[in-house]
PDB file of N, CA and C in Angstrom:
ATOM      1  N   MET A   1       0.849  -1.175   0.000  1.00  0.00           N
ATOM      2  CA  MET A   1       0.000   0.000   0.000  1.00  0.00           C
ATOM      3  C   MET A   1       0.899   1.245   0.000  1.00  0.00           C
ATOM      4  N   ASP A   2       0.733   2.099  -0.968  1.00  0.00           N
ATOM      5  CA  ASP A   2       1.595   3.265  -1.092  1.00  0.00           C
ATOM      6  C   ASP A   2       0.862   4.582  -0.849  1.00  0.00           C
ATOM      7  N   SER A   3      -0.388   4.544  -0.416  1.00  0.00           N
ATOM      8  CA  SER A   3      -1.129   5.777  -0.189  1.00  0.00           C
ATOM      9  C   SER A   3      -1.143   6.126   1.299  1.00  0.00           C
ATOM     10  N   LYS A   4      -1.621   7.327   1.587  1.00  0.00           N
ATOM     11  CA  LYS A   4      -1.646   7.800   2.971  1.00  0.00           C
ATOM     12  C   LYS A   4      -2.528   6.911   3.835  1.00  0.00           C
ATOM     13  N   ILE A   5      -2.052   6.631   5.055  1.00  0.00           N
ATOM     14  CA  ILE A   5      -2.806   5.840   6.017  1.00  0.00           C
ATOM     15  C   ILE A   5      -2.989   6.689   7.281  1.00  0.00           C
ATOM     16  N   THR A   6      -4.141   6.567   7.910  1.00  0.00           N
ATOM     17  CA  THR A   6      -4.401   7.274   9.159  1.00  0.00           C
ATOM     18  C   THR A   6      -4.619   6.246  10.258  1.00  0.00           C
ATOM     19  N   ILE A   7      -3.977   6.474  11.403  1.00  0.00           N
ATOM     20  CA  ILE A   7      -4.126   5.584  12.556  1.00  0.00           C
ATOM     21  C   ILE A   7      -4.784   6.392  13.669  1.00  0.00           C
ATOM     22  N   ARG A   8      -5.914   5.888  14.174  1.00  0.00           N
ATOM     23  CA  ARG A   8      -6.629   6.570  15.254  1.00  0.00           C
ATOM     24  C   ARG A   8      -6.656   5.665  16.476  1.00  0.00           C
ATOM     25  N   SER A   9      -6.368   6.236  17.637  1.00  0.00           N
ATOM     26  CA  SER A   9      -6.391   5.472  18.875  1.00  0.00           C
ATOM     27  C   SER A   9      -7.706   5.675  19.606  1.00  0.00           C
ATOM     28  N   ASP A  10      -8.386   4.581  19.911  1.00  0.00           N
ATOM     29  CA  ASP A  10      -9.566   4.611  20.773  1.00  0.00           C
ATOM     30  C   ASP A  10      -9.200   4.089  22.166  1.00  0.00           C
ATOM     31  N   ARG A  11      -7.901   4.000  22.426  1.00  0.00           N
ATOM     32  CA  ARG A  11      -7.414   3.449  23.688  1.00  0.00           C
ATOM     33  C   ARG A  11      -7.389   4.508  24.784  1.00  0.00           C
ATOM     34  N   GLU A  12      -7.361   4.045  26.023  1.00  0.00           N
ATOM     35  CA  GLU A  12      -7.211   4.937  27.168  1.00  0.00           C
ATOM     36  C   GLU A  12      -5.747   5.070  27.557  1.00  0.00           C
ATOM     37  N   THR A  13      -4.884   4.284  26.931  1.00  0.00           N
ATOM     38  CA  THR A  13      -3.445   4.352  27.191  1.00  0.00           C
ATOM     39  C   THR A  13      -2.720   4.612  25.874  1.00  0.00           C
ATOM     40  N   ASP A  14      -1.482   5.089  25.956  1.00  0.00           N
ATOM     41  CA  ASP A  14      -0.681   5.332  24.762  1.00  0.00           C
ATOM     42  C   ASP A  14      -0.378   4.010  24.051  1.00  0.00           C
ATOM     43  N   TYR A  15      -0.171   4.082  22.752  1.00  0.00           N
ATOM     44  CA  TYR A  15       0.101   2.910  21.914  1.00  0.00           C
ATOM     45  C   TYR A  15       1.415   3.147  21.192  1.00  0.00           C
ATOM     46  N   THR A  16       2.355   2.224  21.340  1.00  0.00           N
ATOM     47  CA  THR A  16       3.670   2.376  20.715  1.00  0.00           C
ATOM     48  C   THR A  16       3.820   1.369  19.576  1.00  0.00           C
ATOM     49  N   PHE A  17       4.256   1.880  18.413  1.00  0.00           N
ATOM     50  CA  PHE A  17       4.520   1.022  17.266  1.00  0.00           C
ATOM     51  C   PHE A  17       5.827   1.483  16.630  1.00  0.00           C
ATOM     52  N   GLN A  18       6.294   0.768  15.617  1.00  0.00           N
ATOM     53  CA  GLN A  18       7.549   1.137  14.961  1.00  0.00           C
ATOM     54  C   GLN A  18       7.302   1.705  13.580  1.00  0.00           C
ATOM     55  N   TYR A  19       8.024   2.783  13.279  1.00  0.00           N
ATOM     56  CA  TYR A  19       7.984   3.405  11.960  1.00  0.00           C
ATOM     57  C   TYR A  19       9.424   3.631  11.520  1.00  0.00           C
ATOM     58  N   LYS A  20       9.804   3.009  10.429  1.00  0.00           N
ATOM     59  CA  LYS A  20      11.174   3.065   9.913  1.00  0.00           C
ATOM     60  C   LYS A  20      12.189   2.659  10.983  1.00  0.00           C
ATOM     61  N   GLY A  21      11.833   1.623  11.763  1.00  0.00           N
ATOM     62  CA  GLY A  21      12.738   1.089  12.775  1.00  0.00           C
ATOM     63  C   GLY A  21      12.796   1.879  14.074  1.00  0.00           C
ATOM     64  N   GLU A  22      12.039   2.953  14.176  1.00  0.00           N
ATOM     65  CA  GLU A  22      12.026   3.782  15.392  1.00  0.00           C
ATOM     66  C   GLU A  22      10.691   3.626  16.108  1.00  0.00           C
ATOM     67  N   ASP A  23      10.723   3.669  17.441  1.00  0.00           N
ATOM     68  CA  ASP A  23       9.480   3.629  18.206  1.00  0.00           C
ATOM     69  C   ASP A  23       8.748   4.955  18.086  1.00  0.00           C
ATOM     70  N   VAL A  24       7.448   4.880  17.840  1.00  0.00           N
ATOM     71  CA  VAL A  24       6.578   6.055  17.754  1.00  0.00           C
ATOM     72  C   VAL A  24       5.431   5.819  18.735  1.00  0.00           C
ATOM     73  N   THR A  25       5.119   6.829  19.538  1.00  0.00           N
ATOM     74  CA  THR A  25       4.026   6.706  20.493  1.00  0.00           C
ATOM     75  C   THR A  25       2.825   7.493  20.003  1.00  0.00           C
ATOM     76  N   LEU A  26       1.707   6.799  19.875  1.00  0.00           N
ATOM     77  CA  LEU A  26       0.434   7.422  19.533  1.00  0.00           C
ATOM     78  C   LEU A  26      -0.300   7.635  20.853  1.00  0.00           C
ATOM     79  N   LYS A  27      -0.495   8.884  21.219  1.00  0.00           N
ATOM     80  CA  LYS A  27      -1.139   9.213  22.488  1.00  0.00           C
ATOM     81  C   LYS A  27      -2.576   8.706  22.498  1.00  0.00           C
ATOM     82  N   ALA A  28      -3.072   8.381  23.666  1.00  0.00           N
ATOM     83  CA  ALA A  28      -4.443   7.892  23.820  1.00  0.00           C
ATOM     84  C   ALA A  28      -5.426   8.891  23.222  1.00  0.00           C
ATOM     85  N   GLY A  29      -6.324   8.402  22.381  1.00  0.00           N
ATOM     86  CA  GLY A  29      -7.355   9.245  21.793  1.00  0.00           C
ATOM     87  C   GLY A  29      -6.901  10.158  20.675  1.00  0.00           C
ATOM     88  N   SER A  30      -5.689  10.004  20.166  1.00  0.00           N
ATOM     89  CA  SER A  30      -5.204  10.907  19.116  1.00  0.00           C
ATOM     90  C   SER A  30      -5.189  10.230  17.750  1.00  0.00           C
ATOM     91  N   VAL A  31      -4.857  11.035  16.730  1.00  0.00           N
ATOM     92  CA  VAL A  31      -4.855  10.584  15.340  1.00  0.00           C
ATOM     93  C   VAL A  31      -3.494  10.909  14.729  1.00  0.00           C
ATOM     94  N   LEU A  32      -3.002  10.016  13.876  1.00  0.00           N
ATOM     95  CA  LEU A  32      -1.715  10.197  13.223  1.00  0.00           C
ATOM     96  C   LEU A  32      -1.855   9.763  11.767  1.00  0.00           C
ATOM     97  N   SER A  33      -1.354  10.571  10.838  1.00  0.00           N
ATOM     98  CA  SER A  33      -1.361  10.204   9.423  1.00  0.00           C
ATOM     99  C   SER A  33       0.060   9.915   8.965  1.00  0.00           C
ATOM    100  N   ILE A  34       0.199   8.894   8.137  1.00  0.00           N
ATOM    101  CA  ILE A  34       1.494   8.515   7.589  1.00  0.00           C
ATOM    102  C   ILE A  34       1.379   8.580   6.069  1.00  0.00           C
ATOM    103  N   ALA A  35       2.201   9.421   5.458  1.00  0.00           N
ATOM    104  CA  ALA A  35       2.068   9.740   4.036  1.00  0.00           C
ATOM    105  C   ALA A  35       2.342   8.557   3.112  1.00  0.00           C
ATOM    106  N   ASN A  36       3.270   7.680   3.471  1.00  0.00           N
ATOM    107  CA  ASN A  36       3.650   6.620   2.525  1.00  0.00           C
ATOM    108  C   ASN A  36       3.075   5.253   2.872  1.00  0.00           C
ATOM    109  N   GLY A  37       1.930   5.244   3.546  1.00  0.00           N
ATOM    110  CA  GLY A  37       1.251   3.983   3.807  1.00  0.00           C
ATOM    111  C   GLY A  37       1.935   3.121   4.849  1.00  0.00           C
ATOM    112  N   LEU A  38       1.669   1.827   4.793  1.00  0.00           N
ATOM    113  CA  LEU A  38       2.126   0.910   5.833  1.00  0.00           C
ATOM    114  C   LEU A  38       3.442   0.213   5.540  1.00  0.00           C
ATOM    115  N   SER A  39       4.105   0.551   4.456  1.00  0.00           N
ATOM    116  CA  SER A  39       5.311  -0.192   4.067  1.00  0.00           C
ATOM    117  C   SER A  39       6.423  -0.140   5.115  1.00  0.00           C
ATOM    118  N   GLU A  40       6.485   0.908   5.916  1.00  0.00           N
ATOM    119  CA  GLU A  40       7.539   1.058   6.929  1.00  0.00           C
ATOM    120  C   GLU A  40       6.989   0.966   8.350  1.00  0.00           C
ATOM    121  N   VAL A  41       5.746   0.497   8.507  1.00  0.00           N
ATOM    122  CA  VAL A  41       5.081   0.477   9.808  1.00  0.00           C
ATOM    123  C   VAL A  41       4.974  -0.949  10.333  1.00  0.00           C
ATOM    124  N   VAL A  42       5.300  -1.135  11.622  1.00  0.00           N
ATOM    125  CA  VAL A  42       5.111  -2.417  12.298  1.00  0.00           C
ATOM    126  C   VAL A  42       4.184  -2.158  13.480  1.00  0.00           C
ATOM    127  N   LEU A  43       2.970  -2.706  13.416  1.00  0.00           N
ATOM    128  CA  LEU A  43       1.985  -2.514  14.471  1.00  0.00           C
ATOM    129  C   LEU A  43       1.962  -3.752  15.366  1.00  0.00           C
ATOM    130  N   PRO A  44       2.189  -3.576  16.692  1.00  0.00           N
ATOM    131  CA  PRO A  44       2.101  -4.722  17.606  1.00  0.00           C
ATOM    132  C   PRO A  44       0.682  -5.298  17.601  1.00  0.00           C
ATOM    133  N   THR A  45       0.575  -6.554  17.950  1.00  0.00           N
ATOM    134  CA  THR A  45      -0.727  -7.212  17.957  1.00  0.00           C
ATOM    135  C   THR A  45      -1.656  -6.543  18.965  1.00  0.00           C
ATOM    136  N   THR A  46      -2.787  -6.121  18.512  1.00  0.00           N
ATOM    137  CA  THR A  46      -3.845  -5.547  19.339  1.00  0.00           C
ATOM    138  C   THR A  46      -5.134  -5.628  18.532  1.00  0.00           C
ATOM    139  N   THR A  47      -6.236  -5.298  19.153  1.00  0.00           N
ATOM    140  CA  THR A  47      -7.507  -5.287  18.432  1.00  0.00           C
ATOM    141  C   THR A  47      -7.577  -4.030  17.580  1.00  0.00           C
ATOM    142  N   MET A  48      -7.885  -4.179  16.295  1.00  0.00           N
ATOM    143  CA  MET A  48      -7.958  -3.054  15.364  1.00  0.00           C
ATOM    144  C   MET A  48      -9.192  -3.195  14.491  1.00  0.00           C
ATOM    145  N   LYS A  49      -9.658  -2.071  13.997  1.00  0.00           N
ATOM    146  CA  LYS A  49     -10.711  -2.048  12.994  1.00  0.00           C
ATOM    147  C   LYS A  49     -10.149  -1.286  11.806  1.00  0.00           C
ATOM    148  N   ILE A  50     -10.235  -1.858  10.619  1.00  0.00           N
ATOM    149  CA  ILE A  50      -9.669  -1.230   9.431  1.00  0.00           C
ATOM    150  C   ILE A  50     -10.799  -0.843   8.481  1.00  0.00           C
ATOM    151  N   ILE A  51     -10.854   0.462   8.162  1.00  0.00           N
ATOM    152  CA  ILE A  51     -11.885   0.989   7.260  1.00  0.00           C
ATOM    153  C   ILE A  51     -11.153   1.795   6.174  1.00  0.00           C
ATOM    154  N   ASN A  52     -11.085   1.251   4.979  1.00  0.00           N
ATOM    155  CA  ASN A  52     -10.350   1.900   3.873  1.00  0.00           C
ATOM    156  C   ASN A  52      -8.931   2.235   4.325  1.00  0.00           C
ATOM    157  N   ASN A  53      -8.563   3.517   4.375  1.00  0.00           N
ATOM    158  CA  ASN A  53      -7.209   3.904   4.785  1.00  0.00           C
ATOM    159  C   ASN A  53      -7.145   4.354   6.240  1.00  0.00           C
ATOM    160  N   LEU A  54      -8.110   3.939   7.057  1.00  0.00           N
ATOM    161  CA  LEU A  54      -8.137   4.278   8.479  1.00  0.00           C
ATOM    162  C   LEU A  54      -7.976   3.012   9.298  1.00  0.00           C
ATOM    163  N   ILE A  55      -7.034   3.031  10.219  1.00  0.00           N
ATOM    164  CA  ILE A  55      -6.859   1.939  11.171  1.00  0.00           C
ATOM    165  C   ILE A  55      -7.236   2.490  12.539  1.00  0.00           C
ATOM    166  N   VAL A  56      -8.212   1.856  13.194  1.00  0.00           N
ATOM    167  CA  VAL A  56      -8.643   2.276  14.525  1.00  0.00           C
ATOM    168  C   VAL A  56      -8.080   1.273  15.513  1.00  0.00           C
ATOM    169  N   VAL A  57      -7.206   1.742  16.408  1.00  0.00           N
ATOM    170  CA  VAL A  57      -6.565   0.901  17.414  1.00  0.00           C
ATOM    171  C   VAL A  57      -7.469   0.843  18.647  1.00  0.00           C
ATOM    172  N   LYS A  58      -7.875  -0.355  19.000  1.00  0.00           N
ATOM    173  CA  LYS A  58      -8.754  -0.571  20.153  1.00  0.00           C
ATOM    174  C   LYS A  58      -7.942  -1.063  21.342  1.00  0.00           C
ATOM    175  N   GLU A  59      -8.626  -1.245  22.463  1.00  0.00           N
ATOM    176  CA  GLU A  59      -7.971  -1.811  23.658  1.00  0.00           C
ATOM    177  C   GLU A  59      -7.543  -3.236  23.399  1.00  0.00           C
TER     178      GLU A  59
END
């Protein structure tokens, strides 16, 4: 996937994932957009809902 992806947190705690080998923290309840899609993103196992180019991170 080479298009923009948006990650939204519905969690009450911060969520940490890797982007280009670096840890990135998505604050609880916030939104983050990544311009080049998921090719450089590693998301730890958690409950997620995926709608088109939106990933909603659940508890």
